[in-house]
Amino acid sequence: MREFFLLIALSVLMQFSQAQDQSVPRVVLITLDGMRWQEVFTGADSLLIGNSEFVTDTAGLKARFWRATPGERRQVLFPFLWNEISKMGQVYGNRYLGSKVDLTNQMWFSYPGYNEILTGCADDVRIHSNDKVNNPNITFLEVAGKSDRFRGRVAAFGSWDVFPYIVNEERSGVPVNAGFEPASGDLLTDREKFLNELLPQVPSPWNSVRLDAFTQHYALEYMKREHPKIIYIAYGETDDFAHDGDYQAYLNSANNTDGFIHDLYDFAQQDPFYKGRTVFLITTDHGRGTSPPGSWKSHGEKIMGSGQVWVALFGSGIPAVGERQGEEQLFSAQIAPLVYKLLRLDNPIAKPYPPLPVATGH
């Protein structure tokens, strides 16, 4: 009889554990490197789209992305964000509406920005360059990857070749495919094998950043094959085209990335592992300059506005309240605490920022 009751208790415990696991969402974190909030919320910049210093085909670019109002311009630049995400989730960072999201680090460039997003804490003392130095801080990817629930189910993909160091792949054990690294393993799909052949044959304009299409398709194939519970996808082109002073390519890349995110969402909606169980978080590592017009190419502590960013989130359990306005001051450092909360994991930071608030209504 005792054994019977033990079996009953074990069965109940297993069912409770499974129910708990079902309530914990999958998480897809996405970043667009150096994507200004101004284009996100108002579309193409009137001071840049017709400037021949930054655009080679002003007529063609205007035909594609210029519209009469900021609302129309942002919608044509980011159709998925403004036609769908904004209606099924939440978007923060439109400073014209009083919604402010800022960095807490004072560096205002990539490595410090990604460290802040992934750890929930700035570290201006140790993270003060973009050098390939292993991150001494622990990211939520590492915490999750070493937990029983998510072990072996966490991965990262990035266009920039510094991401293995930002995630500290060596210490964390989180697999990172970034830069010009091909997909590896014994179970590669035919598409992954093709991407591996294509990668060295398609020249990138930059020596440390591959084209985002490779990052997109490597990540998507991995999701199909391995079904990670947590995946980080970091696109890089927008920042590098901006540094090159190519506003035309910057806008085209932003528009392409919106389409990439749409494709990821469509896949998640069709795959039983992700459908109805996935939270998407989208943000950027830093802002860019605004005035004078040429400062849009740059960022950093001396460029005003570089610490101003934005966040969009949607998916399982995220109320559809749309574009936010008049909110309290928010920070990138609140993203990791939100992920810890969603995943029901303990935050290793002694005095963390509060989780990014998920609005429940207007």
Protein backbone atom coordinates (compact mmCIF):
# COMPACT_ATOMS: atom_id res chain seq x y z
CA MET A 1 0.00 0.00 0.00
CA ARG A 2 2.86 2.35 0.87
CA GLU A 3 4.44 1.77 -2.54
CA PHE A 4 1.08 2.56 -4.16
CA PHE A 5 0.85 5.94 -2.43
CA LEU A 6 4.47 6.68 -3.30
CA LEU A 7 3.69 6.03 -6.96
CA ILE A 8 0.66 8.29 -6.76
CA ALA A 9 2.74 11.04 -5.14
CA LEU A 10 5.49 10.67 -7.76
CA SER A 11 2.92 10.85 -10.56
CA VAL A 12 1.39 14.02 -9.11
CA LEU A 13 4.85 15.57 -8.69
CA MET A 14 5.76 14.76 -12.29
CA GLN A 15 2.52 16.26 -13.57
CA PHE A 16 3.11 19.39 -11.50
CA SER A 17 6.65 19.67 -12.83
CA GLN A 18 5.45 19.25 -16.42
CA ALA A 19 2.75 21.87 -15.88
CA GLN A 20 5.37 24.26 -14.53
CA ASP A 21 7.59 23.63 -17.56
CA GLN A 22 4.65 24.27 -19.89
CA SER A 23 4.12 27.68 -18.28
CA VAL A 24 7.74 28.77 -18.79
CA PRO A 25 8.05 30.39 -22.22
CA ARG A 26 10.68 29.97 -24.89
CA VAL A 27 12.63 33.21 -25.29
CA VAL A 28 13.98 34.74 -28.50
CA LEU A 29 16.14 37.82 -27.91
CA ILE A 30 16.94 39.89 -31.02
CA THR A 31 19.20 42.92 -31.36
CA LEU A 32 19.74 45.32 -34.27
CA ASP A 33 23.17 46.86 -33.80
CA GLY A 34 23.09 50.66 -33.52
CA MET A 35 19.53 51.05 -34.82
CA ARG A 36 18.38 54.57 -33.93
CA TRP A 37 15.06 55.04 -32.16
CA GLN A 38 14.35 57.94 -34.52
CA GLU A 39 13.96 55.66 -37.56
CA VAL A 40 12.14 53.02 -35.52
CA PHE A 41 9.43 55.50 -34.46
CA THR A 42 9.37 58.05 -37.28
CA GLY A 43 10.84 56.28 -40.30
CA ALA A 44 13.33 57.78 -42.75
CA ASP A 45 15.03 60.97 -41.57
CA SER A 46 14.14 64.01 -43.69
CA LEU A 47 17.63 65.46 -43.20
CA LEU A 48 19.34 62.33 -44.47
CA ILE A 49 17.19 60.61 -47.09
CA GLY A 50 17.70 63.36 -49.66
CA ASN A 51 21.33 64.11 -48.77
CA SER A 52 23.64 63.02 -51.58
CA GLU A 53 26.51 62.78 -49.07
CA PHE A 54 24.82 59.75 -47.52
CA VAL A 55 22.56 58.45 -50.32
CA THR A 56 23.59 57.43 -53.84
CA ASP A 57 20.06 57.17 -55.26
CA THR A 58 17.94 59.76 -53.47
CA ALA A 59 15.00 59.42 -55.84
CA GLY A 60 14.90 55.65 -55.53
CA LEU A 61 15.27 55.71 -51.75
CA LYS A 62 12.52 58.29 -51.38
CA ALA A 63 10.22 56.26 -53.58
CA ARG A 64 10.76 53.28 -51.33
CA PHE A 65 10.77 54.80 -47.86
CA TRP A 66 9.53 58.41 -47.93
CA ARG A 67 5.92 59.09 -47.05
CA ALA A 68 4.01 62.19 -45.94
CA THR A 69 3.77 61.43 -42.22
CA PRO A 70 6.08 59.83 -39.61
CA GLY A 71 3.49 57.11 -39.02
CA GLU A 72 3.46 56.16 -42.69
CA ARG A 73 7.23 56.35 -42.93
CA ARG A 74 7.86 54.02 -40.01
CA GLN A 75 5.24 51.62 -41.29
CA VAL A 76 6.87 51.29 -44.70
CA LEU A 77 10.33 50.92 -43.14
CA PHE A 78 9.30 48.42 -40.44
CA PRO A 79 6.06 46.85 -41.70
CA PHE A 80 6.10 43.86 -39.36
CA LEU A 81 6.88 45.99 -36.32
CA TRP A 82 4.12 48.53 -36.94
CA ASN A 83 1.50 46.39 -38.67
CA GLU A 84 1.70 43.39 -36.35
CA ILE A 85 4.11 43.57 -33.39
CA SER A 86 2.70 46.87 -32.14
CA LYS A 87 -0.79 45.37 -32.23
CA MET A 88 0.04 42.15 -30.39
CA GLY A 89 2.74 43.39 -28.01
CA GLN A 90 4.42 46.47 -26.56
CA VAL A 91 6.92 49.00 -27.92
CA TYR A 92 8.92 51.38 -25.70
CA GLY A 93 11.27 54.22 -26.53
CA ASN A 94 9.36 56.84 -28.54
CA ARG A 95 10.75 59.89 -26.81
CA TYR A 96 8.32 62.14 -28.68
CA LEU A 97 5.60 60.45 -26.61
CA GLY A 98 7.55 60.61 -23.37
CA SER A 99 8.60 56.95 -23.42
CA LYS A 100 12.30 56.78 -22.59
CA VAL A 101 14.67 53.81 -22.64
CA ASP A 102 18.36 54.45 -21.95
CA LEU A 103 21.62 52.66 -21.37
CA THR A 104 23.07 52.65 -17.87
CA ASN A 105 26.62 52.21 -19.16
CA GLN A 106 28.42 55.41 -20.15
CA MET A 107 30.41 53.95 -23.04
CA TRP A 108 27.58 54.00 -25.58
CA PHE A 109 29.08 51.49 -27.98
CA SER A 110 28.64 47.80 -28.73
CA TYR A 111 30.41 45.51 -26.24
CA PRO A 112 29.30 47.54 -23.19
CA GLY A 113 25.77 47.68 -24.61
CA TYR A 114 25.52 43.95 -25.19
CA ASN A 115 27.02 43.23 -21.79
CA GLU A 116 24.33 45.40 -20.21
CA ILE A 117 21.51 43.72 -22.15
CA LEU A 118 22.70 40.18 -21.40
CA THR A 119 23.79 40.60 -17.78
CA GLY A 120 21.48 43.34 -16.51
CA CYS A 121 24.34 45.44 -15.25
CA ALA A 122 26.80 47.95 -16.73
CA ASP A 123 30.50 47.40 -16.13
CA ASP A 124 32.34 50.51 -17.30
CA VAL A 125 35.47 49.52 -15.37
CA ARG A 126 36.11 46.20 -17.14
CA ILE A 127 33.99 46.53 -20.31
CA HIS A 128 35.33 49.68 -21.94
CA SER A 129 36.35 48.56 -25.45
CA ASN A 130 35.24 46.29 -28.29
CA ASP A 131 38.34 44.12 -27.89
CA LYS A 132 38.02 40.34 -28.07
CA VAL A 133 38.24 39.76 -24.35
CA ASN A 134 36.15 37.14 -22.58
CA ASN A 135 33.37 38.76 -20.60
CA PRO A 136 34.08 38.46 -16.87
CA ASN A 137 30.36 38.94 -16.18
CA ILE A 138 27.75 36.19 -16.28
CA THR A 139 24.96 36.54 -18.85
CA PHE A 140 21.46 35.15 -18.49
CA LEU A 141 22.38 32.80 -21.35
CA GLU A 142 25.06 31.24 -19.15
CA VAL A 143 22.84 31.02 -16.08
CA ALA A 144 20.10 29.35 -18.11
CA GLY A 145 22.51 27.06 -19.93
CA LYS A 146 23.86 25.70 -16.64
CA SER A 147 20.42 25.14 -15.12
CA ASP A 148 18.72 21.74 -15.21
CA ARG A 149 15.70 23.03 -17.13
CA PHE A 150 17.62 24.69 -19.97
CA ARG A 151 20.89 22.77 -20.12
CA GLY A 152 21.88 22.19 -23.73
CA ARG A 153 18.92 24.25 -24.97
CA VAL A 154 20.53 27.71 -25.19
CA ALA A 155 22.32 29.18 -28.22
CA ALA A 156 23.49 32.48 -29.70
CA PHE A 157 24.03 33.70 -33.26
CA GLY A 158 25.64 36.98 -34.25
CA SER A 159 26.99 38.75 -37.30
CA TRP A 160 29.83 40.34 -35.31
CA ASP A 161 32.80 38.11 -34.53
CA VAL A 162 33.12 39.43 -30.96
CA PHE A 163 30.02 37.63 -29.69
CA PRO A 164 31.83 34.44 -28.61
CA TYR A 165 33.71 36.68 -26.17
CA ILE A 166 30.67 38.70 -25.07
CA VAL A 167 28.82 35.49 -24.21
CA ASN A 168 32.11 33.97 -22.98
CA GLU A 169 31.49 30.78 -24.92
CA GLU A 170 34.56 29.15 -23.38
CA ARG A 171 33.34 29.48 -19.79
CA SER A 172 29.58 29.48 -20.28
CA GLY A 173 29.36 26.48 -22.58
CA VAL A 174 26.72 28.31 -24.63
CA PRO A 175 27.32 27.59 -28.33
CA VAL A 176 27.87 30.80 -30.30
CA ASN A 177 27.95 30.98 -34.08
CA ALA A 178 29.22 34.41 -35.09
CA GLY A 179 31.33 36.31 -37.57
CA PHE A 180 32.64 34.13 -40.36
CA GLU A 181 32.26 30.90 -38.43
CA PRO A 182 30.44 28.14 -40.33
CA ALA A 183 27.85 25.87 -38.78
CA SER A 184 29.37 22.80 -37.17
CA GLY A 185 28.20 19.36 -36.07
CA ASP A 186 27.31 15.97 -37.48
CA LEU A 187 23.61 16.64 -38.07
CA LEU A 188 23.76 19.70 -40.33
CA THR A 189 20.85 20.23 -42.69
CA ASP A 190 21.41 20.58 -46.42
CA ARG A 191 20.77 24.32 -46.09
CA GLU A 192 23.40 24.67 -43.38
CA LYS A 193 25.90 22.82 -45.54
CA PHE A 194 25.08 25.15 -48.43
CA LEU A 195 25.48 28.22 -46.19
CA ASN A 196 28.89 26.89 -45.15
CA GLU A 197 29.92 26.67 -48.80
CA LEU A 198 28.52 30.11 -49.57
CA LEU A 199 29.94 31.99 -46.57
CA PRO A 200 33.56 32.29 -47.80
CA GLN A 201 32.38 32.98 -51.36
CA VAL A 202 30.33 36.09 -50.55
CA PRO A 203 32.58 39.01 -49.63
CA SER A 204 31.49 41.11 -46.69
CA PRO A 205 32.23 44.85 -46.72
CA TRP A 206 33.76 44.44 -43.26
CA ASN A 207 36.46 42.23 -41.80
CA SER A 208 34.69 41.45 -38.52
CA VAL A 209 31.00 41.33 -39.49
CA ARG A 210 29.32 38.91 -41.86
CA LEU A 211 26.17 39.80 -43.77
CA ASP A 212 23.02 39.39 -41.69
CA ALA A 213 21.41 36.95 -44.10
CA PHE A 214 23.92 34.31 -42.96
CA THR A 215 23.14 34.97 -39.30
CA GLN A 216 19.42 34.76 -40.02
CA HIS A 217 19.50 31.47 -41.86
CA TYR A 218 22.05 29.80 -39.59
CA ALA A 219 19.86 30.70 -36.61
CA LEU A 220 16.62 29.63 -38.28
CA GLU A 221 18.04 26.27 -39.37
CA TYR A 222 19.34 25.69 -35.85
CA MET A 223 15.90 26.44 -34.41
CA LYS A 224 14.34 23.94 -36.78
CA ARG A 225 16.94 21.27 -35.98
CA GLU A 226 17.71 21.71 -32.28
CA HIS A 227 14.70 23.62 -30.90
CA PRO A 228 16.59 25.71 -28.35
CA LYS A 229 14.44 27.04 -25.53
CA ILE A 230 16.44 30.27 -25.45
CA ILE A 231 18.12 31.81 -28.48
CA TYR A 232 19.85 35.13 -28.99
CA ILE A 233 20.13 36.51 -32.54
CA ALA A 234 22.26 39.62 -33.08
CA TYR A 235 22.11 41.37 -36.44
CA GLY A 236 24.95 43.76 -37.24
CA GLU A 237 24.60 45.44 -40.63
CA THR A 238 22.73 48.56 -39.53
CA ASP A 239 25.62 49.77 -37.40
CA ASP A 240 28.30 49.09 -39.97
CA PHE A 241 26.43 50.68 -42.86
CA ALA A 242 25.88 53.70 -40.63
CA HIS A 243 29.58 53.94 -39.82
CA ASP A 244 30.22 53.81 -43.56
CA GLY A 245 27.91 56.81 -43.97
CA ASP A 246 25.62 54.83 -46.28
CA TYR A 247 22.10 55.85 -45.23
CA GLN A 248 20.59 54.01 -48.17
CA ALA A 249 22.10 50.68 -47.10
CA TYR A 250 21.25 51.44 -43.46
CA LEU A 251 17.54 51.81 -44.29
CA ASN A 252 17.54 48.82 -46.64
CA SER A 253 19.18 46.67 -43.98
CA ALA A 254 16.71 47.81 -41.31
CA ASN A 255 13.84 46.91 -43.62
CA ASN A 256 15.39 43.51 -44.40
CA THR A 257 15.82 42.79 -40.69
CA ASP A 258 12.16 43.56 -40.06
CA GLY A 259 11.45 40.86 -42.63
CA PHE A 260 13.86 38.45 -40.93
CA ILE A 261 12.03 38.90 -37.64
CA HIS A 262 8.72 38.31 -39.41
CA ASP A 263 10.11 35.05 -40.81
CA LEU A 264 11.24 33.94 -37.34
CA TYR A 265 7.78 34.66 -35.95
CA ASP A 266 6.07 32.82 -38.81
CA PHE A 267 8.26 29.79 -38.16
CA ALA A 268 7.49 29.91 -34.44
CA GLN A 269 3.78 30.04 -35.22
CA GLN A 270 4.02 26.90 -37.33
CA ASP A 271 6.26 24.85 -35.04
CA PRO A 272 4.50 23.10 -32.11
CA PHE A 273 7.57 23.55 -29.91
CA TYR A 274 7.32 27.35 -30.14
CA LYS A 275 3.72 28.09 -31.10
CA GLY A 276 1.88 30.00 -28.39
CA ARG A 277 4.79 29.52 -25.98
CA THR A 278 7.41 32.03 -27.13
CA VAL A 279 8.31 35.54 -26.01
CA PHE A 280 10.18 37.78 -28.45
CA LEU A 281 12.32 40.66 -27.15
CA ILE A 282 13.82 43.13 -29.65
CA THR A 283 16.20 45.96 -28.83
CA THR A 284 19.52 47.63 -29.73
CA ASP A 285 22.90 47.97 -28.04
CA HIS A 286 23.20 51.76 -28.41
CA GLY A 287 21.81 54.78 -30.22
CA ARG A 288 23.43 57.21 -32.65
CA GLY A 289 23.93 60.92 -33.05
CA THR A 290 21.26 63.25 -34.45
CA SER A 291 22.76 66.74 -34.71
CA PRO A 292 24.56 67.82 -36.77
CA PRO A 293 23.18 65.41 -39.43
CA GLY A 294 26.56 63.76 -40.00
CA SER A 295 26.66 62.57 -36.40
CA TRP A 296 24.16 59.81 -37.26
CA LYS A 297 27.19 57.86 -38.48
CA SER A 298 28.70 57.76 -35.00
CA HIS A 299 28.04 56.92 -31.39
CA GLY A 300 29.98 56.80 -28.13
CA GLU A 301 30.20 58.88 -24.98
CA LYS A 302 30.96 62.09 -26.90
CA ILE A 303 28.01 61.75 -29.30
CA MET A 304 24.80 63.14 -27.82
CA GLY A 305 21.89 60.74 -28.02
CA SER A 306 23.99 57.56 -28.26
CA GLY A 307 22.64 56.28 -24.98
CA GLN A 308 19.01 56.43 -26.12
CA VAL A 309 17.54 53.07 -27.15
CA TRP A 310 14.23 51.23 -27.54
CA VAL A 311 12.57 47.89 -26.78
CA ALA A 312 9.76 45.85 -28.33
CA LEU A 313 8.30 42.69 -26.82
CA PHE A 314 5.49 40.37 -27.80
CA GLY A 315 4.38 36.78 -27.55
CA SER A 316 3.20 34.39 -24.85
CA GLY A 317 1.77 36.24 -21.85
CA ILE A 318 2.62 39.72 -23.17
CA PRO A 319 -0.51 41.91 -23.20
CA ALA A 320 -1.28 43.65 -26.49
CA VAL A 321 -1.12 47.27 -25.36
CA GLY A 322 0.85 48.73 -28.27
CA GLU A 323 3.10 51.76 -28.34
CA ARG A 324 3.77 53.14 -24.89
CA GLN A 325 3.77 56.78 -23.88
CA GLY A 326 4.38 58.78 -20.75
CA GLU A 327 6.04 55.81 -19.02
CA GLU A 328 8.64 55.97 -16.28
CA GLN A 329 12.30 55.98 -17.24
CA LEU A 330 13.37 52.50 -18.39
CA PHE A 331 16.82 51.01 -18.99
CA SER A 332 18.43 48.26 -21.07
CA ALA A 333 19.68 46.81 -17.78
CA GLN A 334 16.08 45.79 -17.05
CA ILE A 335 15.92 43.34 -19.95
CA ALA A 336 17.94 40.55 -18.33
CA PRO A 337 15.92 40.76 -15.07
CA LEU A 338 12.77 40.37 -17.15
CA VAL A 339 14.21 37.25 -18.80
CA TYR A 340 15.12 35.81 -15.41
CA LYS A 341 11.55 36.45 -14.28
CA LEU A 342 10.06 34.85 -17.39
CA LEU A 343 12.31 31.80 -17.07
CA ARG A 344 11.90 31.56 -13.29
CA LEU A 345 15.62 31.67 -12.72
CA ASP A 346 17.48 33.38 -9.91
CA ASN A 347 19.32 36.55 -10.91
CA PRO A 348 22.96 36.26 -9.75
CA ILE A 349 23.35 40.05 -9.39
CA ALA A 350 23.17 41.07 -5.75
CA LYS A 351 21.27 44.31 -6.34
CA PRO A 352 19.67 44.01 -9.77
CA TYR A 353 17.50 46.52 -11.58
CA PRO A 354 13.81 45.61 -11.47
CA PRO A 355 12.55 43.63 -14.47
CA LEU A 356 11.40 45.63 -17.47
CA PRO A 357 7.73 46.23 -16.63
CA VAL A 358 5.22 44.46 -18.85
CA ALA A 359 2.31 46.87 -19.23
CA THR A 360 -1.16 45.46 -18.63
CA GLY A 361 -3.21 48.26 -20.17
CA HIS A 362 -3.28 51.84 -21.41
